[in-house]
C-alpha atoms as a PDB file:
ATOM      1  CA  UNK A   1     -14.251 127.102 150.089  1.00  0.00           C
ATOM      2  CA  UNK A   2     -10.964 128.921 150.592  1.00  0.00           C
ATOM      3  CA  UNK A   3     -11.241 130.838 147.289  1.00  0.00           C
ATOM      4  CA  UNK A   4     -14.800 131.821 147.929  1.00  0.00           C
ATOM      5  CA  UNK A   5     -13.841 133.136 151.549  1.00  0.00           C
ATOM      6  CA  UNK A   6     -10.863 134.908 150.248  1.00  0.00           C
ATOM      7  CA  UNK A   7     -12.930 136.588 147.337  1.00  0.00           C
ATOM      8  CA  UNK A   8     -15.617 137.475 149.686  1.00  0.00           C
ATOM      9  CA  UNK A   9     -13.276 139.023 152.345  1.00  0.00           C
ATOM     10  CA  UNK A  10     -11.516 141.148 149.593  1.00  0.00           C
ATOM     11  CA  UNK A  11     -15.004 142.259 148.169  1.00  0.00           C
ATOM     12  CA  UNK A  12     -16.522 143.103 151.424  1.00  0.00           C
ATOM     13  CA  UNK A  13     -13.236 145.336 152.151  1.00  0.00           C
ATOM     14  CA  UNK A  14     -13.528 147.129 148.827  1.00  0.00           C
ATOM     15  CA  UNK A  15     -17.241 147.772 149.285  1.00  0.00           C
ATOM     16  CA  UNK A  16     -16.638 149.097 152.707  1.00  0.00           C
ATOM     17  CA  UNK A  17     -13.995 151.495 151.673  1.00  0.00           C
ATOM     18  CA  UNK A  18     -16.081 152.494 148.941  1.00  0.00           C
ATOM     19  CA  UNK A  19     -19.114 153.176 151.104  1.00  0.00           C
ATOM     20  CA  UNK A  20     -17.222 155.160 153.720  1.00  0.00           C
ATOM     21  CA  UNK A  21     -14.615 156.860 151.511  1.00  0.00           C
ATOM     22  CA  UNK A  22     -16.844 157.666 148.208  1.00  0.00           C
ATOM     23  CA  UNK A  23     -20.432 157.317 148.561  1.00  0.00           C
ATOM     24  CA  UNK A  24     -21.128 158.902 152.034  1.00  0.00           C
ATOM     25  CA  UNK A  25     -19.137 161.999 151.086  1.00  0.00           C
ATOM     26  CA  UNK A  26     -21.390 162.004 147.985  1.00  0.00           C
ATOM     27  CA  UNK A  27     -24.615 161.606 150.219  1.00  0.00           C
ATOM     28  CA  UNK A  28     -23.670 164.207 152.722  1.00  0.00           C
ATOM     29  CA  UNK A  29     -21.506 166.831 150.856  1.00  0.00           C
ATOM     30  CA  UNK A  30     -23.275 166.622 147.523  1.00  0.00           C
ATOM     31  CA  UNK A  31     -26.605 165.446 148.396  1.00  0.00           C
ATOM     32  CA  UNK A  32     -26.458 162.456 145.795  1.00  0.00           C
ATOM     33  CA  UNK A  33     -28.078 159.664 147.485  1.00  0.00           C
ATOM     34  CA  UNK A  34     -28.220 156.920 144.776  1.00  0.00           C
ATOM     35  CA  UNK A  35     -24.508 155.419 145.079  1.00  0.00           C
ATOM     36  CA  UNK A  36     -24.655 155.327 148.699  1.00  0.00           C
ATOM     37  CA  UNK A  37     -28.005 153.056 148.367  1.00  0.00           C
ATOM     38  CA  UNK A  38     -26.312 150.793 145.806  1.00  0.00           C
ATOM     39  CA  UNK A  39     -23.081 150.461 147.522  1.00  0.00           C
ATOM     40  CA  UNK A  40     -24.798 150.154 150.850  1.00  0.00           C
ATOM     41  CA  UNK A  41     -27.022 146.925 149.749  1.00  0.00           C
ATOM     42  CA  UNK A  42     -24.042 145.473 148.159  1.00  0.00           C
ATOM     43  CA  UNK A  43     -21.950 146.021 151.299  1.00  0.00           C
ATOM     44  CA  UNK A  44     -24.597 144.834 153.463  1.00  0.00           C
ATOM     45  CA  UNK A  45     -24.977 141.445 151.496  1.00  0.00           C
ATOM     46  CA  UNK A  46     -21.093 140.877 151.276  1.00  0.00           C
ATOM     47  CA  UNK A  47     -20.771 141.365 155.173  1.00  0.00           C
ATOM     48  CA  UNK A  48     -23.558 138.882 155.900  1.00  0.00           C
ATOM     49  CA  UNK A  49     -21.911 136.388 153.407  1.00  0.00           C
ATOM     50  CA  UNK A  50     -18.537 137.045 154.824  1.00  0.00           C
ATOM     51  CA  UNK A  51     -19.722 136.354 158.409  1.00  0.00           C
ATOM     52  CA  UNK A  52     -21.600 133.250 157.359  1.00  0.00           C
ATOM     53  CA  UNK A  53     -18.732 131.923 155.343  1.00  0.00           C
ATOM     54  CA  UNK A  54     -16.370 132.657 158.399  1.00  0.00           C
ATOM     55  CA  UNK A  55     -18.526 130.649 160.536  1.00  0.00           C
ATOM     56  CA  UNK A  56     -18.588 127.850 158.208  1.00  0.00           C
ATOM     57  CA  UNK A  57     -14.987 127.942 157.369  1.00  0.00           C
ATOM     58  CA  UNK A  58     -13.935 128.021 161.197  1.00  0.00           C
ATOM     59  CA  UNK A  59     -16.151 125.191 161.932  1.00  0.00           C
ATOM     60  CA  UNK A  60     -14.670 123.255 159.061  1.00  0.00           C
ATOM     61  CA  UNK A  61     -11.050 123.924 159.783  1.00  0.00           C
ATOM     62  CA  UNK A  62     -11.702 123.486 163.599  1.00  0.00           C
ATOM     63  CA  UNK A  63     -10.448 126.998 164.383  1.00  0.00           C
ATOM     64  CA  UNK A  64     -10.913 128.402 167.627  1.00  0.00           C
ATOM     65  CA  UNK A  65     -13.589 130.966 168.752  1.00  0.00           C
ATOM     66  CA  UNK A  66     -10.856 133.442 169.170  1.00  0.00           C
ATOM     67  CA  UNK A  67      -9.761 133.061 165.568  1.00  0.00           C
ATOM     68  CA  UNK A  68     -13.438 133.585 164.460  1.00  0.00           C
ATOM     69  CA  UNK A  69     -13.502 136.734 166.641  1.00  0.00           C
ATOM     70  CA  UNK A  70     -10.440 138.218 164.859  1.00  0.00           C
ATOM     71  CA  UNK A  71     -12.074 137.591 161.520  1.00  0.00           C
ATOM     72  CA  UNK A  72     -15.262 138.945 162.540  1.00  0.00           C
ATOM     73  CA  UNK A  73     -13.688 142.099 164.188  1.00  0.00           C
ATOM     74  CA  UNK A  74     -11.713 142.499 160.966  1.00  0.00           C
ATOM     75  CA  UNK A  75     -14.930 142.947 159.015  1.00  0.00           C
ATOM     76  CA  UNK A  76     -15.901 145.851 161.111  1.00  0.00           C
ATOM     77  CA  UNK A  77     -12.583 147.750 160.582  1.00  0.00           C
ATOM     78  CA  UNK A  78     -11.466 149.560 157.381  1.00  0.00           C
ATOM     79  CA  UNK A  79      -8.755 147.460 155.800  1.00  0.00           C
ATOM     80  CA  UNK A  80      -9.574 144.944 158.420  1.00  0.00           C
ATOM     81  CA  UNK A  81     -10.590 141.992 155.760  1.00  0.00           C
ATOM     82  CA  UNK A  82      -7.270 142.780 153.909  1.00  0.00           C
ATOM     83  CA  UNK A  83      -5.194 142.299 157.019  1.00  0.00           C
ATOM     84  CA  UNK A  84      -7.391 138.882 157.790  1.00  0.00           C
ATOM     85  CA  UNK A  85      -6.659 137.627 154.283  1.00  0.00           C
ATOM     86  CA  UNK A  86      -2.893 138.183 154.368  1.00  0.00           C
ATOM     87  CA  UNK A  87      -2.439 136.849 157.878  1.00  0.00           C
ATOM     88  CA  UNK A  88      -5.002 134.047 158.174  1.00  0.00           C
ATOM     89  CA  UNK A  89      -6.247 133.017 154.775  1.00  0.00           C
ATOM     90  CA  UNK A  90      -3.170 133.418 152.227  1.00  0.00           C
ATOM     91  CA  UNK A  91      -1.085 130.721 153.678  1.00  0.00           C
ATOM     92  CA  UNK A  92      -3.593 128.143 154.046  1.00  0.00           C
ATOM     93  CA  UNK A  93      -2.816 124.870 151.882  1.00  0.00           C
END
């Protein structure tokens, strides 16, 4: 479960950065819409998967609602999931 959560966190973070750093400029500055649509769908699916896995993971490990809130807020911030992975997920046995 931990490997799945960490992989989802990293992929969600990458998709978020791609969306805002690459495809949105293409959409609004170059009027190229297709990459934004594809990456947007992928990011949406990864975001939902991240939140669902975070809920299950926090419940399974009996983590507090505060720790879940940190994980959730991390998914809303650029580079947030990378921070959450390093701070909360990397050193779990």
